[in-house]
Amino acid sequence: MEKKIIRTDNAPAPIGPYSQAVQFGNMLFVSGQIALNPSSGQLEMADIQSETKLVMENLKAILTEAGMDFSNVLKSTIFLMDMGQFAQVNEVYGGYFQQNPPARETVQVAGLPKGVNVEISVVAAK
């Protein structure tokens, strides 16, 4: 099997030496996404709900490029700067997983890229 790099202009370009996602066989490993607007390249951090929505839309764009959607997600990881924002993040996140949500962990961290409040990564399979 050979790894395939997944890239779309509908999600932010990587800000370091990594790919938006890597597909290996039927598995897709999507790098952590933050609230970078793919069109403008600017952060959008008005509030935690809108920040989380943009993160989820960025993940959606990458999944779509790989021929998948949120129903293919097996596992997600949510990194939060403030666990006190968990309920708001969870509300937005939950809207993308109406049935059979993936396994998940949510952790509070000391810092995230570009000073964002939330970063989410996923693993999916066809």
C-alpha atoms as a PDB file:
ATOM      1  CA  MET A   1       0.000   0.000   0.000  1.00  0.00           C
ATOM      2  CA  GLU A   2       1.082   3.506  -0.704  1.00  0.00           C
ATOM      3  CA  LYS A   3       0.172   6.641   1.186  1.00  0.00           C
ATOM      4  CA  LYS A   4      -1.741   9.334  -0.683  1.00  0.00           C
ATOM      5  CA  ILE A   5      -1.589  12.987   0.290  1.00  0.00           C
ATOM      6  CA  ILE A   6      -5.005  14.679   0.418  1.00  0.00           C
ATOM      7  CA  ARG A   7      -5.100  18.410  -0.262  1.00  0.00           C
ATOM      8  CA  THR A   8      -7.889  20.864  -0.968  1.00  0.00           C
ATOM      9  CA  ASP A   9      -8.064  24.638  -1.373  1.00  0.00           C
ATOM     10  CA  ASN A  10     -11.358  24.484   0.551  1.00  0.00           C
ATOM     11  CA  ALA A  11      -9.429  24.053   3.819  1.00  0.00           C
ATOM     12  CA  PRO A  12      -6.470  26.048   5.131  1.00  0.00           C
ATOM     13  CA  ALA A  13      -3.049  25.281   3.722  1.00  0.00           C
ATOM     14  CA  PRO A  14      -0.741  23.667   6.281  1.00  0.00           C
ATOM     15  CA  ILE A  15       1.211  26.145   8.405  1.00  0.00           C
ATOM     16  CA  GLY A  16       4.144  23.768   8.784  1.00  0.00           C
ATOM     17  CA  PRO A  17       5.737  20.623   7.358  1.00  0.00           C
ATOM     18  CA  TYR A  18       2.630  18.419   7.367  1.00  0.00           C
ATOM     19  CA  SER A  19      -0.234  17.469   5.057  1.00  0.00           C
ATOM     20  CA  GLN A  20      -3.912  18.301   5.492  1.00  0.00           C
ATOM     21  CA  ALA A  21      -4.529  14.559   5.456  1.00  0.00           C
ATOM     22  CA  VAL A  22      -2.892  11.284   4.505  1.00  0.00           C
ATOM     23  CA  GLN A  23      -4.834   8.341   3.117  1.00  0.00           C
ATOM     24  CA  PHE A  24      -3.410   4.861   3.577  1.00  0.00           C
ATOM     25  CA  GLY A  25      -5.598   2.118   2.173  1.00  0.00           C
ATOM     26  CA  ASN A  26      -9.098   2.790   3.425  1.00  0.00           C
ATOM     27  CA  MET A  27      -7.862   4.898   6.369  1.00  0.00           C
ATOM     28  CA  LEU A  28      -7.698   8.687   6.406  1.00  0.00           C
ATOM     29  CA  PHE A  29      -5.663  10.606   8.974  1.00  0.00           C
ATOM     30  CA  VAL A  30      -6.662  14.281   9.055  1.00  0.00           C
ATOM     31  CA  SER A  31      -4.303  16.756  10.691  1.00  0.00           C
ATOM     32  CA  GLY A  32      -5.611  19.030  13.414  1.00  0.00           C
ATOM     33  CA  GLN A  33      -7.609  21.913  12.032  1.00  0.00           C
ATOM     34  CA  ILE A  34      -7.969  25.379  13.503  1.00  0.00           C
ATOM     35  CA  ALA A  35     -10.239  28.310  12.676  1.00  0.00           C
ATOM     36  CA  LEU A  36      -8.286  29.571   9.676  1.00  0.00           C
ATOM     37  CA  ASN A  37     -10.507  30.810   6.874  1.00  0.00           C
ATOM     38  CA  PRO A  38      -9.269  28.980   3.757  1.00  0.00           C
ATOM     39  CA  SER A  39     -10.207  31.893   1.478  1.00  0.00           C
ATOM     40  CA  SER A  40      -8.587  34.733   3.392  1.00  0.00           C
ATOM     41  CA  GLY A  41      -5.986  32.842   5.429  1.00  0.00           C
ATOM     42  CA  GLN A  42      -7.180  34.818   8.466  1.00  0.00           C
ATOM     43  CA  LEU A  43      -8.145  33.454  11.862  1.00  0.00           C
ATOM     44  CA  GLU A  44     -11.833  33.756  12.785  1.00  0.00           C
ATOM     45  CA  MET A  45     -12.163  33.707  16.549  1.00  0.00           C
ATOM     46  CA  ALA A  46     -15.199  35.893  17.353  1.00  0.00           C
ATOM     47  CA  ASP A  47     -16.475  33.327  19.861  1.00  0.00           C
ATOM     48  CA  ILE A  48     -15.874  29.667  20.644  1.00  0.00           C
ATOM     49  CA  GLN A  49     -18.988  28.492  18.768  1.00  0.00           C
ATOM     50  CA  SER A  50     -18.066  30.187  15.487  1.00  0.00           C
ATOM     51  CA  GLU A  51     -14.441  29.125  15.936  1.00  0.00           C
ATOM     52  CA  THR A  52     -15.525  25.493  16.387  1.00  0.00           C
ATOM     53  CA  LYS A  53     -17.892  25.689  13.395  1.00  0.00           C
ATOM     54  CA  LEU A  54     -15.070  26.845  11.108  1.00  0.00           C
ATOM     55  CA  VAL A  55     -12.822  24.056  12.424  1.00  0.00           C
ATOM     56  CA  MET A  56     -15.552  21.521  11.633  1.00  0.00           C
ATOM     57  CA  GLU A  57     -16.120  23.013   8.169  1.00  0.00           C
ATOM     58  CA  ASN A  58     -12.388  22.753   7.472  1.00  0.00           C
ATOM     59  CA  LEU A  59     -12.480  19.090   8.508  1.00  0.00           C
ATOM     60  CA  LYS A  60     -15.553  18.575   6.306  1.00  0.00           C
ATOM     61  CA  ALA A  61     -13.736  20.026   3.274  1.00  0.00           C
ATOM     62  CA  ILE A  62     -10.818  17.631   3.742  1.00  0.00           C
ATOM     63  CA  LEU A  63     -13.104  14.642   4.260  1.00  0.00           C
ATOM     64  CA  THR A  64     -15.021  15.611   1.095  1.00  0.00           C
ATOM     65  CA  GLU A  65     -11.798  15.834  -0.908  1.00  0.00           C
ATOM     66  CA  ALA A  66     -11.051  12.258   0.180  1.00  0.00           C
ATOM     67  CA  GLY A  67     -14.540  11.096  -0.836  1.00  0.00           C
ATOM     68  CA  MET A  68     -15.746  10.811   2.745  1.00  0.00           C
ATOM     69  CA  ASP A  69     -17.960  12.636   5.228  1.00  0.00           C
ATOM     70  CA  PHE A  70     -18.470  12.744   8.988  1.00  0.00           C
ATOM     71  CA  SER A  71     -20.182   9.344   8.940  1.00  0.00           C
ATOM     72  CA  ASN A  72     -16.764   7.878   8.053  1.00  0.00           C
ATOM     73  CA  VAL A  73     -15.053   9.328  11.121  1.00  0.00           C
ATOM     74  CA  LEU A  74     -13.920   6.660  13.588  1.00  0.00           C
ATOM     75  CA  LYS A  75     -12.019   8.798  16.087  1.00  0.00           C
ATOM     76  CA  SER A  76     -11.581  12.463  16.893  1.00  0.00           C
ATOM     77  CA  THR A  77      -9.401  14.430  19.232  1.00  0.00           C
ATOM     78  CA  ILE A  78     -10.376  17.856  20.544  1.00  0.00           C
ATOM     79  CA  PHE A  79      -7.732  20.120  22.039  1.00  0.00           C
ATOM     80  CA  LEU A  80      -9.088  23.025  24.117  1.00  0.00           C
ATOM     81  CA  MET A  81      -7.329  25.938  25.741  1.00  0.00           C
ATOM     82  CA  ASP A  82     -10.114  26.171  28.345  1.00  0.00           C
ATOM     83  CA  MET A  83     -12.135  23.156  29.443  1.00  0.00           C
ATOM     84  CA  GLY A  84     -14.716  25.681  30.626  1.00  0.00           C
ATOM     85  CA  GLN A  85     -15.691  26.042  26.944  1.00  0.00           C
ATOM     86  CA  PHE A  86     -16.345  22.304  26.581  1.00  0.00           C
ATOM     87  CA  ALA A  87     -20.155  22.601  26.539  1.00  0.00           C
ATOM     88  CA  GLN A  88     -20.189  25.197  23.736  1.00  0.00           C
ATOM     89  CA  VAL A  89     -17.662  23.251  21.651  1.00  0.00           C
ATOM     90  CA  ASN A  90     -19.538  20.009  22.259  1.00  0.00           C
ATOM     91  CA  GLU A  91     -22.820  21.569  21.104  1.00  0.00           C
ATOM     92  CA  VAL A  92     -21.353  22.639  17.745  1.00  0.00           C
ATOM     93  CA  TYR A  93     -19.327  19.431  17.329  1.00  0.00           C
ATOM     94  CA  GLY A  94     -22.369  17.266  18.084  1.00  0.00           C
ATOM     95  CA  GLY A  95     -24.292  18.866  15.233  1.00  0.00           C
ATOM     96  CA  TYR A  96     -21.912  17.185  12.786  1.00  0.00           C
ATOM     97  CA  PHE A  97     -22.456  13.712  14.264  1.00  0.00           C
ATOM     98  CA  GLN A  98     -26.214  13.127  14.361  1.00  0.00           C
ATOM     99  CA  GLN A  99     -25.931   9.324  14.545  1.00  0.00           C
ATOM    100  CA  ASN A 100     -23.237   6.901  15.655  1.00  0.00           C
ATOM    101  CA  PRO A 101     -20.659   9.464  16.805  1.00  0.00           C
ATOM    102  CA  PRO A 102     -16.989   8.480  16.723  1.00  0.00           C
ATOM    103  CA  ALA A 103     -14.765   7.637  19.661  1.00  0.00           C
ATOM    104  CA  ARG A 104     -13.258  10.821  21.072  1.00  0.00           C
ATOM    105  CA  GLU A 105     -11.078  12.401  23.672  1.00  0.00           C
ATOM    106  CA  THR A 106     -11.053  16.036  24.694  1.00  0.00           C
ATOM    107  CA  VAL A 107      -8.058  17.500  26.472  1.00  0.00           C
ATOM    108  CA  GLN A 108      -7.126  20.897  27.819  1.00  0.00           C
ATOM    109  CA  VAL A 109      -3.734  22.086  26.617  1.00  0.00           C
ATOM    110  CA  ALA A 110      -1.316  24.861  27.549  1.00  0.00           C
ATOM    111  CA  GLY A 111      -1.192  26.306  24.035  1.00  0.00           C
ATOM    112  CA  LEU A 112      -2.337  25.836  20.452  1.00  0.00           C
ATOM    113  CA  PRO A 113      -1.023  27.103  17.090  1.00  0.00           C
ATOM    114  CA  LYS A 114      -1.598  30.810  16.421  1.00  0.00           C
ATOM    115  CA  GLY A 115      -3.205  31.238  19.842  1.00  0.00           C
ATOM    116  CA  VAL A 116      -6.498  29.577  18.864  1.00  0.00           C
ATOM    117  CA  ASN A 117      -8.925  28.167  21.435  1.00  0.00           C
ATOM    118  CA  VAL A 118      -9.735  24.846  19.765  1.00  0.00           C
ATOM    119  CA  GLU A 119      -8.084  22.360  17.401  1.00  0.00           C
ATOM    120  CA  ILE A 120      -9.670  19.116  16.192  1.00  0.00           C
ATOM    121  CA  SER A 121      -8.208  16.148  14.317  1.00  0.00           C
ATOM    122  CA  VAL A 122      -9.961  13.025  13.008  1.00  0.00           C
ATOM    123  CA  VAL A 123      -9.281   9.525  11.748  1.00  0.00           C
ATOM    124  CA  ALA A 124     -11.746   8.172   9.185  1.00  0.00           C
ATOM    125  CA  ALA A 125     -12.201   5.054   7.039  1.00  0.00           C
ATOM    126  CA  LYS A 126     -14.198   4.059   3.967  1.00  0.00           C
END
